Amino acid sequence: MELKATDRSGLLTYLCRQLEAFFPDGQDVRGELDRYLDQGLARVRHCINGVRIWRPESFDYLHSSQYTLFLYYLANSIWRDGGDLRLCTKLFYLNKTLNGIDLFYEIAMPKVFFIGHSVGIVLAKATYGEYLVLYQNSTVGKNHGVAPVLGDGVILYPNTAVIGRSTLGPRSYISQGVSVINSDTPGDCYVYQGEAGGLVIKPPKHDILSDFFRL
């Protein structure tokens, strides 16, 4: 995969300097980052290659959405392998600081998903299907300890929320400003906000998911 305007060593140094700037505690993280960097890059490569609007086999550390994904995949890779949890936490906070997203490293995210704008996205430890689309200020949250289940191909447009005992069927497209709270959707549908907090379900007019992904 092409690393735009840098190489592996340059990306490693860039990341080390970011962490040193935001967390000046003297911890030497270069060795641990070097150990897991290729895993993070391999996972973000797979994701980028699945997103239709992104150039395949090309990663740009100055592309906010791609860098958001990279920081998550890197932190999650370290955590899954039993690596340095303090470094995982720093990468989580770095992502939150730079990109405005609350995406904890323990959350199991899809192998391929797309972030339109990361600012204000908050994701709980829920179940996420493949080919997820997230836009700004979208929230997935628990209610009384119960987390939602999102099927494959779910789209959360800006300012949406999926909360509690909710199951979104595959290819449920949640329209802007809609809150799905302790409710289910059948899938293959647009979801709009109805009266008194209810949901209005309508069939999709075309396969919108193919606009986002190389399916």
N, C-alpha and C. Protein backbone atom coordinates (compact mmCIF):
# COMPACT_ATOMS: atom_id res chain seq x y z
N MET A 1 0.84 -1.20 0.00
CA MET A 1 0.00 0.00 0.00
C MET A 1 0.88 1.25 0.00
N GLU A 2 0.50 2.21 -0.80
CA GLU A 2 1.20 3.49 -0.84
C GLU A 2 0.90 4.30 0.42
N LEU A 3 1.94 4.82 1.05
CA LEU A 3 1.80 5.76 2.15
C LEU A 3 2.08 7.15 1.58
N LYS A 4 1.05 7.95 1.44
CA LYS A 4 1.19 9.22 0.75
C LYS A 4 2.12 10.16 1.51
N ALA A 5 3.11 10.70 0.80
CA ALA A 5 4.03 11.72 1.31
C ALA A 5 4.89 11.25 2.48
N THR A 6 5.00 9.93 2.66
CA THR A 6 5.86 9.41 3.71
C THR A 6 6.17 7.96 3.40
N ASP A 7 6.89 7.32 4.33
CA ASP A 7 7.10 5.88 4.25
C ASP A 7 6.84 5.29 5.64
N ARG A 8 7.08 4.02 5.82
CA ARG A 8 6.77 3.38 7.10
C ARG A 8 7.52 4.04 8.24
N SER A 9 8.81 4.28 8.06
CA SER A 9 9.62 4.90 9.10
C SER A 9 9.13 6.31 9.42
N GLY A 10 8.77 7.06 8.37
CA GLY A 10 8.28 8.42 8.58
C GLY A 10 6.95 8.43 9.31
N LEU A 11 6.07 7.50 8.98
CA LEU A 11 4.78 7.42 9.68
C LEU A 11 4.98 7.06 11.14
N LEU A 12 5.90 6.15 11.41
CA LEU A 12 6.19 5.76 12.79
C LEU A 12 6.72 6.96 13.59
N THR A 13 7.63 7.70 13.01
CA THR A 13 8.17 8.89 13.68
C THR A 13 7.10 9.94 13.91
N TYR A 14 6.27 10.15 12.90
CA TYR A 14 5.17 11.12 12.99
C TYR A 14 4.24 10.77 14.16
N LEU A 15 3.88 9.51 14.26
CA LEU A 15 2.98 9.07 15.32
C LEU A 15 3.64 9.20 16.69
N CYS A 16 4.91 8.84 16.78
CA CYS A 16 5.64 8.98 18.05
C CYS A 16 5.67 10.44 18.50
N ARG A 17 5.90 11.34 17.57
CA ARG A 17 5.97 12.76 17.92
C ARG A 17 4.61 13.30 18.35
N GLN A 18 3.54 12.82 17.71
CA GLN A 18 2.20 13.22 18.15
C GLN A 18 1.95 12.78 19.59
N LEU A 19 2.27 11.54 19.88
CA LEU A 19 2.04 11.02 21.23
C LEU A 19 2.89 11.73 22.26
N GLU A 20 4.13 12.03 21.90
CA GLU A 20 5.01 12.76 22.81
C GLU A 20 4.49 14.16 23.08
N ALA A 21 3.90 14.80 22.06
CA ALA A 21 3.40 16.16 22.22
C ALA A 21 2.17 16.20 23.13
N PHE A 22 1.29 15.22 22.98
CA PHE A 22 0.06 15.23 23.77
C PHE A 22 0.21 14.55 25.12
N PHE A 23 1.17 13.63 25.24
CA PHE A 23 1.36 12.88 26.49
C PHE A 23 2.84 12.89 26.86
N PRO A 24 3.33 14.02 27.35
CA PRO A 24 4.77 14.18 27.63
C PRO A 24 5.19 13.55 28.95
N ASP A 25 4.96 12.23 29.07
CA ASP A 25 5.27 11.53 30.32
C ASP A 25 6.60 10.79 30.26
N GLY A 26 7.31 10.92 29.14
CA GLY A 26 8.62 10.30 29.04
C GLY A 26 8.59 8.83 28.63
N GLN A 27 7.42 8.25 28.42
CA GLN A 27 7.34 6.85 28.03
C GLN A 27 7.85 6.66 26.61
N ASP A 28 8.73 5.70 26.42
CA ASP A 28 9.25 5.38 25.10
C ASP A 28 8.30 4.38 24.44
N VAL A 29 7.55 4.83 23.45
CA VAL A 29 6.54 3.98 22.83
C VAL A 29 6.95 3.48 21.45
N ARG A 30 8.10 3.90 20.96
CA ARG A 30 8.47 3.58 19.57
C ARG A 30 8.55 2.08 19.33
N GLY A 31 9.16 1.35 20.25
CA GLY A 31 9.30 -0.09 20.05
C GLY A 31 7.96 -0.80 19.98
N GLU A 32 7.03 -0.44 20.86
CA GLU A 32 5.71 -1.07 20.86
C GLU A 32 4.93 -0.68 19.61
N LEU A 33 5.01 0.57 19.20
CA LEU A 33 4.35 1.00 17.98
C LEU A 33 4.92 0.28 16.76
N ASP A 34 6.24 0.16 16.72
CA ASP A 34 6.89 -0.52 15.60
C ASP A 34 6.43 -1.97 15.50
N ARG A 35 6.21 -2.59 16.64
CA ARG A 35 5.79 -4.00 16.68
C ARG A 35 4.41 -4.19 16.05
N TYR A 36 3.51 -3.22 16.22
CA TYR A 36 2.13 -3.38 15.79
C TYR A 36 1.75 -2.51 14.58
N LEU A 37 2.67 -1.71 14.10
CA LEU A 37 2.35 -0.77 13.03
C LEU A 37 1.85 -1.49 11.78
N ASP A 38 2.49 -2.59 11.42
CA ASP A 38 2.10 -3.29 10.20
C ASP A 38 0.69 -3.89 10.31
N GLN A 39 0.32 -4.33 11.53
CA GLN A 39 -1.04 -4.83 11.72
C GLN A 39 -2.06 -3.72 11.51
N GLY A 40 -1.78 -2.56 12.10
CA GLY A 40 -2.68 -1.42 11.92
C GLY A 40 -2.80 -1.02 10.47
N LEU A 41 -1.68 -0.99 9.76
CA LEU A 41 -1.70 -0.61 8.35
C LEU A 41 -2.42 -1.65 7.49
N ALA A 42 -2.24 -2.92 7.80
CA ALA A 42 -2.90 -3.97 7.04
C ALA A 42 -4.42 -3.87 7.20
N ARG A 43 -4.87 -3.56 8.40
CA ARG A 43 -6.31 -3.48 8.64
C ARG A 43 -6.91 -2.22 7.98
N VAL A 44 -6.20 -1.11 8.06
CA VAL A 44 -6.74 0.09 7.42
C VAL A 44 -6.66 -0.04 5.89
N ARG A 45 -5.68 -0.74 5.39
CA ARG A 45 -5.60 -1.01 3.95
C ARG A 45 -6.83 -1.78 3.48
N HIS A 46 -7.19 -2.84 4.21
CA HIS A 46 -8.36 -3.63 3.85
C HIS A 46 -9.62 -2.77 3.86
N CYS A 47 -9.73 -1.90 4.84
CA CYS A 47 -10.89 -1.02 4.95
C CYS A 47 -10.93 -0.02 3.80
N ILE A 48 -9.81 0.64 3.54
CA ILE A 48 -9.74 1.62 2.45
C ILE A 48 -10.10 0.98 1.12
N ASN A 49 -9.61 -0.22 0.88
CA ASN A 49 -9.88 -0.89 -0.39
C ASN A 49 -11.35 -1.28 -0.55
N GLY A 50 -12.08 -1.30 0.55
CA GLY A 50 -13.50 -1.62 0.48
C GLY A 50 -14.39 -0.41 0.30
N VAL A 51 -13.83 0.80 0.45
CA VAL A 51 -14.61 2.04 0.37
C VAL A 51 -14.52 2.60 -1.05
N ARG A 52 -15.66 2.76 -1.68
CA ARG A 52 -15.70 3.11 -3.10
C ARG A 52 -15.09 4.48 -3.40
N ILE A 53 -15.30 5.47 -2.52
CA ILE A 53 -14.87 6.82 -2.84
C ILE A 53 -13.39 7.06 -2.54
N TRP A 54 -12.71 6.06 -1.95
CA TRP A 54 -11.29 6.21 -1.65
C TRP A 54 -10.44 5.47 -2.67
N ARG A 55 -9.31 6.03 -2.97
CA ARG A 55 -8.38 5.40 -3.91
C ARG A 55 -7.82 4.13 -3.29
N PRO A 56 -7.95 3.00 -3.96
CA PRO A 56 -7.42 1.75 -3.40
C PRO A 56 -5.91 1.80 -3.21
N GLU A 57 -5.45 1.05 -2.23
CA GLU A 57 -4.02 0.88 -1.98
C GLU A 57 -3.31 2.19 -1.71
N SER A 58 -4.00 3.14 -1.09
CA SER A 58 -3.38 4.43 -0.79
C SER A 58 -3.89 4.96 0.54
N PHE A 59 -2.97 5.23 1.45
CA PHE A 59 -3.31 5.74 2.78
C PHE A 59 -2.63 7.10 2.98
N ASP A 60 -3.42 8.09 3.40
CA ASP A 60 -2.91 9.43 3.64
C ASP A 60 -3.13 9.78 5.11
N TYR A 61 -2.04 9.98 5.83
CA TYR A 61 -2.16 10.29 7.26
C TYR A 61 -2.79 11.66 7.50
N LEU A 62 -2.88 12.49 6.45
CA LEU A 62 -3.55 13.78 6.57
C LEU A 62 -5.02 13.72 6.11
N HIS A 63 -5.48 12.55 5.77
CA HIS A 63 -6.90 12.34 5.49
C HIS A 63 -7.55 11.99 6.82
N SER A 64 -8.39 12.89 7.32
CA SER A 64 -8.90 12.75 8.68
C SER A 64 -9.62 11.43 8.93
N SER A 65 -10.51 11.05 8.02
CA SER A 65 -11.27 9.81 8.23
C SER A 65 -10.37 8.59 8.17
N GLN A 66 -9.44 8.56 7.24
CA GLN A 66 -8.53 7.43 7.15
C GLN A 66 -7.64 7.34 8.39
N TYR A 67 -7.18 8.48 8.87
CA TYR A 67 -6.33 8.47 10.06
C TYR A 67 -7.12 8.07 11.30
N THR A 68 -8.39 8.46 11.35
CA THR A 68 -9.26 8.03 12.44
C THR A 68 -9.33 6.51 12.49
N LEU A 69 -9.57 5.90 11.34
CA LEU A 69 -9.64 4.44 11.26
C LEU A 69 -8.32 3.79 11.63
N PHE A 70 -7.24 4.36 11.14
CA PHE A 70 -5.92 3.80 11.42
C PHE A 70 -5.62 3.80 12.92
N LEU A 71 -5.89 4.90 13.61
CA LEU A 71 -5.63 4.97 15.05
C LEU A 71 -6.46 3.95 15.81
N TYR A 72 -7.72 3.77 15.39
CA TYR A 72 -8.54 2.75 16.06
C TYR A 72 -7.96 1.36 15.81
N TYR A 73 -7.71 1.02 14.54
CA TYR A 73 -7.22 -0.32 14.23
C TYR A 73 -5.90 -0.61 14.93
N LEU A 74 -5.03 0.38 15.00
CA LEU A 74 -3.75 0.20 15.67
C LEU A 74 -3.94 -0.08 17.15
N ALA A 75 -4.74 0.75 17.82
CA ALA A 75 -4.98 0.56 19.25
C ALA A 75 -5.67 -0.78 19.52
N ASN A 76 -6.64 -1.12 18.69
CA ASN A 76 -7.35 -2.38 18.87
C ASN A 76 -6.44 -3.58 18.64
N SER A 77 -5.53 -3.47 17.69
CA SER A 77 -4.58 -4.56 17.43
C SER A 77 -3.67 -4.79 18.64
N ILE A 78 -3.20 -3.70 19.22
CA ILE A 78 -2.35 -3.82 20.41
C ILE A 78 -3.13 -4.46 21.55
N TRP A 79 -4.37 -4.01 21.76
CA TRP A 79 -5.19 -4.56 22.84
C TRP A 79 -5.49 -6.04 22.64
N ARG A 80 -5.85 -6.44 21.42
CA ARG A 80 -6.20 -7.83 21.14
C ARG A 80 -5.02 -8.77 21.39
N ASP A 81 -3.81 -8.25 21.19
CA ASP A 81 -2.62 -9.08 21.34
C ASP A 81 -2.04 -9.02 22.75
N GLY A 82 -2.72 -8.31 23.66
CA GLY A 82 -2.23 -8.21 25.03
C GLY A 82 -1.08 -7.25 25.19
N GLY A 83 -1.01 -6.24 24.34
CA GLY A 83 0.08 -5.27 24.40
C GLY A 83 -0.14 -4.21 25.46
N ASP A 84 0.60 -3.13 25.35
CA ASP A 84 0.64 -2.07 26.36
C ASP A 84 -0.69 -1.31 26.41
N LEU A 85 -1.44 -1.48 27.49
CA LEU A 85 -2.74 -0.84 27.61
C LEU A 85 -2.62 0.67 27.75
N ARG A 86 -1.54 1.15 28.33
CA ARG A 86 -1.36 2.60 28.43
C ARG A 86 -1.18 3.22 27.05
N LEU A 87 -0.50 2.52 26.17
CA LEU A 87 -0.36 2.99 24.80
C LEU A 87 -1.71 2.95 24.08
N CYS A 88 -2.48 1.89 24.31
CA CYS A 88 -3.83 1.83 23.73
C CYS A 88 -4.65 3.03 24.16
N THR A 89 -4.57 3.37 25.44
CA THR A 89 -5.32 4.50 25.97
C THR A 89 -4.86 5.81 25.34
N LYS A 90 -3.58 5.95 25.16
CA LYS A 90 -3.06 7.17 24.53
C LYS A 90 -3.55 7.29 23.09
N LEU A 91 -3.57 6.19 22.36
CA LEU A 91 -4.05 6.22 20.98
C LEU A 91 -5.54 6.55 20.93
N PHE A 92 -6.29 6.02 21.89
CA PHE A 92 -7.72 6.35 22.00
C PHE A 92 -7.91 7.84 22.25
N TYR A 93 -7.15 8.39 23.19
CA TYR A 93 -7.26 9.82 23.48
C TYR A 93 -6.76 10.68 22.33
N LEU A 94 -5.72 10.22 21.65
CA LEU A 94 -5.22 10.96 20.49
C LEU A 94 -6.29 11.05 19.41
N ASN A 95 -6.97 9.95 19.16
CA ASN A 95 -8.05 9.93 18.19
C ASN A 95 -9.18 10.86 18.61
N LYS A 96 -9.48 10.84 19.89
CA LYS A 96 -10.54 11.70 20.41
C LYS A 96 -10.15 13.17 20.28
N THR A 97 -8.90 13.48 20.54
CA THR A 97 -8.42 14.86 20.49
C THR A 97 -8.35 15.38 19.05
N LEU A 98 -7.78 14.59 18.16
CA LEU A 98 -7.60 15.04 16.78
C LEU A 98 -8.88 15.02 15.97
N ASN A 99 -9.69 14.00 16.18
CA ASN A 99 -10.81 13.74 15.28
C ASN A 99 -12.18 13.82 15.92
N GLY A 100 -12.23 14.06 17.23
CA GLY A 100 -13.51 14.28 17.90
C GLY A 100 -14.38 13.05 18.00
N ILE A 101 -13.80 11.86 17.97
CA ILE A 101 -14.55 10.61 18.01
C ILE A 101 -14.28 9.89 19.33
N ASP A 102 -15.33 9.29 19.89
CA ASP A 102 -15.19 8.48 21.10
C ASP A 102 -15.37 7.02 20.68
N LEU A 103 -14.26 6.37 20.37
CA LEU A 103 -14.26 4.99 19.88
C LEU A 103 -13.20 4.23 20.66
N PHE A 104 -13.63 3.52 21.69
CA PHE A 104 -12.71 2.84 22.60
C PHE A 104 -12.05 1.66 21.90
N TYR A 105 -10.83 1.38 22.26
CA TYR A 105 -10.04 0.37 21.56
C TYR A 105 -10.55 -1.06 21.77
N GLU A 106 -11.37 -1.30 22.80
CA GLU A 106 -11.88 -2.64 23.04
C GLU A 106 -13.10 -2.98 22.17
N ILE A 107 -13.69 -1.98 21.54
CA ILE A 107 -14.88 -2.22 20.74
C ILE A 107 -14.51 -2.97 19.46
N ALA A 108 -15.30 -3.99 19.14
CA ALA A 108 -15.07 -4.77 17.92
C ALA A 108 -15.79 -4.09 16.76
N MET A 109 -15.05 -3.35 15.97
CA MET A 109 -15.61 -2.66 14.82
C MET A 109 -15.47 -3.52 13.56
N PRO A 110 -16.22 -3.19 12.50
CA PRO A 110 -16.15 -3.99 11.27
C PRO A 110 -14.78 -3.94 10.61
N LYS A 111 -14.54 -4.91 9.75
CA LYS A 111 -13.32 -4.91 8.95
C LYS A 111 -13.37 -3.82 7.89
N VAL A 112 -14.58 -3.51 7.44
CA VAL A 112 -14.77 -2.42 6.47
C VAL A 112 -15.91 -1.54 6.96
N PHE A 113 -15.60 -0.28 7.23
CA PHE A 113 -16.64 0.70 7.53
C PHE A 113 -16.17 2.07 7.10
N PHE A 114 -17.11 2.99 7.01
CA PHE A 114 -16.83 4.31 6.46
C PHE A 114 -17.26 5.39 7.45
N ILE A 115 -16.40 6.37 7.65
CA ILE A 115 -16.71 7.53 8.47
C ILE A 115 -16.74 8.75 7.56
N GLY A 116 -17.91 9.40 7.47
CA GLY A 116 -18.02 10.60 6.65
C GLY A 116 -17.33 11.77 7.32
N HIS A 117 -17.76 12.09 8.53
CA HIS A 117 -17.13 13.12 9.36
C HIS A 117 -17.13 12.58 10.79
N SER A 118 -15.97 12.58 11.40
CA SER A 118 -15.83 11.89 12.69
C SER A 118 -16.29 12.71 13.89
N VAL A 119 -16.44 14.01 13.75
CA VAL A 119 -16.69 14.88 14.90
C VAL A 119 -18.01 14.52 15.57
N GLY A 120 -17.94 14.27 16.86
CA GLY A 120 -19.13 14.02 17.66
C GLY A 120 -19.64 12.60 17.64
N ILE A 121 -18.96 11.69 16.97
CA ILE A 121 -19.39 10.28 16.97
C ILE A 121 -19.04 9.65 18.31
N VAL A 122 -20.02 8.98 18.93
CA VAL A 122 -19.83 8.30 20.21
C VAL A 122 -20.36 6.88 20.05
N LEU A 123 -19.50 5.89 20.27
CA LEU A 123 -19.87 4.49 20.05
C LEU A 123 -19.67 3.67 21.31
N ALA A 124 -20.73 3.03 21.76
CA ALA A 124 -20.66 2.15 22.92
C ALA A 124 -20.18 0.77 22.49
N LYS A 125 -19.95 -0.09 23.48
CA LYS A 125 -19.60 -1.48 23.19
C LYS A 125 -20.87 -2.22 22.78
N ALA A 126 -21.18 -2.11 21.51
CA ALA A 126 -22.36 -2.74 20.94
C ALA A 126 -21.91 -3.75 19.88
N THR A 127 -22.88 -4.28 19.14
CA THR A 127 -22.58 -5.21 18.06
C THR A 127 -22.72 -4.47 16.74
N TYR A 128 -21.64 -4.47 15.96
CA TYR A 128 -21.61 -3.71 14.71
C TYR A 128 -21.38 -4.65 13.53
N GLY A 129 -22.27 -4.59 12.53
CA GLY A 129 -22.11 -5.39 11.33
C GLY A 129 -21.15 -4.74 10.35
N GLU A 130 -20.79 -5.51 9.34
CA GLU A 130 -19.89 -5.00 8.30
C GLU A 130 -20.58 -3.90 7.48
N TYR A 131 -19.74 -3.13 6.80
CA TYR A 131 -20.19 -2.06 5.90
C TYR A 131 -21.07 -1.04 6.62
N LEU A 132 -20.60 -0.64 7.78
CA LEU A 132 -21.25 0.40 8.57
C LEU A 132 -20.84 1.77 8.05
N VAL A 133 -21.80 2.71 8.02
CA VAL A 133 -21.53 4.09 7.63
C VAL A 133 -21.89 4.99 8.80
N LEU A 134 -20.96 5.86 9.18
CA LEU A 134 -21.16 6.78 10.30
C LEU A 134 -20.92 8.22 9.86
N TYR A 135 -21.81 9.10 10.28
CA TYR A 135 -21.63 10.53 10.05
C TYR A 135 -21.58 11.28 11.38
N GLN A 136 -21.28 12.55 11.31
CA GLN A 136 -21.04 13.37 12.50
C GLN A 136 -22.22 13.32 13.47
N ASN A 137 -21.86 13.33 14.75
CA ASN A 137 -22.83 13.37 15.85
C ASN A 137 -23.76 12.17 15.88
N SER A 138 -23.34 11.06 15.31
CA SER A 138 -24.12 9.83 15.45
C SER A 138 -23.67 9.12 16.72
N THR A 139 -24.65 8.52 17.41
CA THR A 139 -24.41 7.91 18.71
C THR A 139 -24.99 6.51 18.76
N VAL A 140 -24.22 5.58 19.29
CA VAL A 140 -24.71 4.25 19.63
C VAL A 140 -24.46 4.08 21.12
N GLY A 141 -25.54 3.89 21.89
CA GLY A 141 -25.38 3.89 23.33
C GLY A 141 -26.20 2.83 24.04
N LYS A 142 -25.80 2.51 25.25
CA LYS A 142 -26.51 1.53 26.08
C LYS A 142 -27.64 2.21 26.86
N ASN A 143 -28.60 1.40 27.26
CA ASN A 143 -29.67 1.84 28.15
C ASN A 143 -29.85 0.77 29.21
N HIS A 144 -29.58 1.12 30.47
CA HIS A 144 -29.62 0.15 31.56
C HIS A 144 -28.73 -1.06 31.27
N GLY A 145 -27.57 -0.78 30.68
CA GLY A 145 -26.59 -1.81 30.42
C GLY A 145 -26.82 -2.63 29.17
N VAL A 146 -27.90 -2.36 28.45
CA VAL A 146 -28.21 -3.12 27.23
C VAL A 146 -27.78 -2.32 26.01
N ALA A 147 -27.02 -2.96 25.13
CA ALA A 147 -26.48 -2.28 23.95
C ALA A 147 -27.19 -2.71 22.69
N PRO A 148 -27.26 -1.86 21.68
CA PRO A 148 -27.91 -2.21 20.42
C PRO A 148 -27.14 -3.24 19.61
N VAL A 149 -27.83 -3.80 18.63
CA VAL A 149 -27.24 -4.71 17.65
C VAL A 149 -27.49 -4.12 16.27
N LEU A 150 -26.42 -3.84 15.54
CA LEU A 150 -26.52 -3.26 14.21
C LEU A 150 -26.13 -4.30 13.18
N GLY A 151 -27.03 -4.60 12.26
CA GLY A 151 -26.74 -5.57 11.21
C GLY A 151 -25.81 -5.01 10.16
N ASP A 152 -25.52 -5.81 9.15
CA ASP A 152 -24.63 -5.38 8.07
C ASP A 152 -25.28 -4.24 7.27
N GLY A 153 -24.45 -3.30 6.86
CA GLY A 153 -24.91 -2.27 5.95
C GLY A 153 -25.77 -1.19 6.55
N VAL A 154 -25.63 -0.95 7.84
CA VAL A 154 -26.40 0.11 8.50
C VAL A 154 -25.75 1.46 8.21
N ILE A 155 -26.57 2.47 7.96
CA ILE A 155 -26.09 3.84 7.77
C ILE A 155 -26.70 4.73 8.84
N LEU A 156 -25.85 5.43 9.58
CA LEU A 156 -26.29 6.41 10.57
C LEU A 156 -25.94 7.79 10.05
N TYR A 157 -26.93 8.50 9.57
CA TYR A 157 -26.73 9.84 9.06
C TYR A 157 -26.51 10.82 10.22
N PRO A 158 -26.18 12.10 9.95
CA PRO A 158 -25.84 13.04 11.03
C PRO A 158 -26.93 13.16 12.09
N ASN A 159 -26.45 13.29 13.35
CA ASN A 159 -27.33 13.57 14.49
C ASN A 159 -28.34 12.44 14.75
N THR A 160 -27.93 11.22 14.49
CA THR A 160 -28.79 10.08 14.79
C THR A 160 -28.34 9.41 16.07
N ALA A 161 -29.23 8.60 16.65
CA ALA A 161 -28.91 7.86 17.87
C ALA A 161 -29.59 6.50 17.82
N VAL A 162 -28.86 5.48 18.22
CA VAL A 162 -29.41 4.14 18.38
C VAL A 162 -29.09 3.72 19.81
N ILE A 163 -30.12 3.53 20.60
CA ILE A 163 -29.94 3.38 22.04
C ILE A 163 -30.64 2.13 22.54
N GLY A 164 -29.98 1.45 23.48
CA GLY A 164 -30.61 0.40 24.27
C GLY A 164 -30.95 -0.86 23.51
N ARG A 165 -32.10 -1.46 23.85
CA ARG A 165 -32.51 -2.74 23.30
C ARG A 165 -33.07 -2.54 21.89
N SER A 166 -32.18 -2.20 20.98
CA SER A 166 -32.55 -1.94 19.59
C SER A 166 -31.78 -2.88 18.67
N THR A 167 -32.47 -3.44 17.71
CA THR A 167 -31.83 -4.27 16.70
C THR A 167 -32.15 -3.69 15.33
N LEU A 168 -31.12 -3.27 14.63
CA LEU A 168 -31.29 -2.71 13.28
C LEU A 168 -31.00 -3.81 12.27
N GLY A 169 -32.00 -4.13 11.47
CA GLY A 169 -31.81 -5.14 10.45
C GLY A 169 -30.83 -4.70 9.39
N PRO A 170 -30.29 -5.64 8.62
CA PRO A 170 -29.32 -5.29 7.57
C PRO A 170 -29.86 -4.24 6.61
N ARG A 171 -29.01 -3.29 6.27
CA ARG A 171 -29.35 -2.20 5.35
C ARG A 171 -30.49 -1.35 5.88
N SER A 172 -30.41 -1.02 7.15
CA SER A 172 -31.30 -0.02 7.74
C SER A 172 -30.62 1.33 7.64
N TYR A 173 -31.26 2.29 7.01
CA TYR A 173 -30.68 3.61 6.79
C TYR A 173 -31.42 4.60 7.68
N ILE A 174 -30.73 5.08 8.72
CA ILE A 174 -31.36 5.93 9.72
C ILE A 174 -31.19 7.39 9.30
N SER A 175 -32.29 8.04 9.01
CA SER A 175 -32.27 9.40 8.46
C SER A 175 -31.79 10.42 9.49
N GLN A 176 -31.36 11.55 9.00
CA GLN A 176 -30.79 12.60 9.84
C GLN A 176 -31.74 12.99 10.98
N GLY A 177 -31.17 13.03 12.19
CA GLY A 177 -31.92 13.48 13.35
C GLY A 177 -32.82 12.44 14.00
N VAL A 178 -32.82 11.22 13.49
CA VAL A 178 -33.72 10.19 14.01
C VAL A 178 -33.08 9.48 15.21
N SER A 179 -33.89 9.20 16.23
CA SER A 179 -33.45 8.43 17.40
C SER A 179 -34.20 7.11 17.43
N VAL A 180 -33.46 6.02 17.46
CA VAL A 180 -34.04 4.68 17.59
C VAL A 180 -33.74 4.22 19.01
N ILE A 181 -34.77 4.20 19.86
CA ILE A 181 -34.58 3.90 21.27
C ILE A 181 -35.43 2.69 21.64
N ASN A 182 -34.73 1.61 22.04
CA ASN A 182 -35.42 0.37 22.42
C ASN A 182 -36.43 -0.05 21.35
N SER A 183 -36.01 0.05 20.10
CA SER A 183 -36.88 -0.29 18.97
C SER A 183 -36.09 -1.07 17.93
N ASP A 184 -36.79 -1.77 17.06
CA ASP A 184 -36.17 -2.57 16.01
C ASP A 184 -36.55 -2.03 14.64
N THR A 185 -35.70 -2.31 13.66
CA THR A 185 -36.02 -2.01 12.27
C THR A 185 -35.89 -3.31 11.47
N PRO A 186 -36.71 -3.48 10.43
CA PRO A 186 -36.72 -4.76 9.71
C PRO A 186 -35.56 -4.96 8.76
N GLY A 187 -34.88 -3.89 8.39
CA GLY A 187 -33.83 -3.98 7.38
C GLY A 187 -34.37 -3.63 6.01
N ASP A 188 -33.44 -3.34 5.09
CA ASP A 188 -33.80 -2.89 3.73
C ASP A 188 -34.82 -1.77 3.80
N CYS A 189 -34.47 -0.73 4.56
CA CYS A 189 -35.46 0.33 4.79
C CYS A 189 -34.78 1.65 5.12
N TYR A 190 -35.50 2.73 4.82
CA TYR A 190 -35.20 4.04 5.37
C TYR A 190 -36.02 4.20 6.65
N VAL A 191 -35.42 4.83 7.64
CA VAL A 191 -36.11 5.05 8.91
C VAL A 191 -36.21 6.55 9.16
N TYR A 192 -37.44 7.02 9.33
CA TYR A 192 -37.70 8.43 9.59
C TYR A 192 -38.35 8.59 10.96
N GLN A 193 -38.28 9.80 11.50
CA GLN A 193 -38.93 10.07 12.78
C GLN A 193 -40.40 10.37 12.56
N GLY A 194 -41.26 9.62 13.24
CA GLY A 194 -42.68 9.85 13.17
C GLY A 194 -43.17 10.70 14.33
N GLU A 195 -44.47 10.78 14.48
CA GLU A 195 -45.06 11.55 15.55
C GLU A 195 -44.89 10.83 16.89
N ALA A 196 -44.80 11.62 17.95
CA ALA A 196 -44.72 11.09 19.32
C ALA A 196 -43.55 10.13 19.49
N GLY A 197 -42.48 10.37 18.75
CA GLY A 197 -41.27 9.57 18.90
C GLY A 197 -41.28 8.25 18.17
N GLY A 198 -42.37 7.94 17.48
CA GLY A 198 -42.42 6.70 16.73
C GLY A 198 -41.55 6.74 15.49
N LEU A 199 -41.39 5.59 14.85
CA LEU A 199 -40.57 5.48 13.65
C LEU A 199 -41.44 5.21 12.44
N VAL A 200 -41.04 5.80 11.34
CA VAL A 200 -41.71 5.56 10.05
C VAL A 200 -40.74 4.79 9.17
N ILE A 201 -41.17 3.66 8.68
CA ILE A 201 -40.32 2.78 7.88
C ILE A 201 -40.77 2.84 6.42
N LYS A 202 -39.82 3.09 5.53
CA LYS A 202 -40.12 3.13 4.10
C LYS A 202 -39.08 2.30 3.34
N PRO A 203 -39.48 1.71 2.22
CA PRO A 203 -38.53 0.93 1.42
C PRO A 203 -37.52 1.83 0.72
N PRO A 204 -36.29 1.37 0.55
CA PRO A 204 -35.29 2.19 -0.16
C PRO A 204 -35.59 2.25 -1.65
N LYS A 205 -35.19 3.36 -2.27
CA LYS A 205 -35.43 3.55 -3.69
C LYS A 205 -34.34 2.91 -4.55
N HIS A 206 -33.16 2.75 -3.97
CA HIS A 206 -32.09 2.07 -4.70
C HIS A 206 -31.09 1.52 -3.68
N ASP A 207 -30.12 0.77 -4.16
CA ASP A 207 -29.13 0.16 -3.28
C ASP A 207 -28.09 1.20 -2.91
N ILE A 208 -28.43 2.03 -1.92
CA ILE A 208 -27.56 3.15 -1.56
C ILE A 208 -26.22 2.67 -1.02
N LEU A 209 -26.18 1.48 -0.46
CA LEU A 209 -24.93 1.01 0.13
C LEU A 209 -23.83 0.87 -0.92
N SER A 210 -24.22 0.56 -2.15
CA SER A 210 -23.22 0.43 -3.21
C SER A 210 -22.60 1.77 -3.60
N ASP A 211 -23.21 2.87 -3.16
CA ASP A 211 -22.60 4.17 -3.37
C ASP A 211 -21.37 4.35 -2.48
N PHE A 212 -21.34 3.63 -1.37
CA PHE A 212 -20.26 3.79 -0.39
C PHE A 212 -19.16 2.73 -0.53
N PHE A 213 -19.55 1.50 -0.86
CA PHE A 213 -18.60 0.39 -0.75
C PHE A 213 -18.45 -0.39 -2.06
N ARG A 214 -17.31 -1.03 -2.19
CA ARG A 214 -17.09 -1.99 -3.26
C ARG A 214 -17.58 -3.35 -2.77
N LEU A 215 -18.82 -3.63 -3.00
CA LEU A 215 -19.46 -4.83 -2.46
C LEU A 215 -19.23 -6.04 -3.36
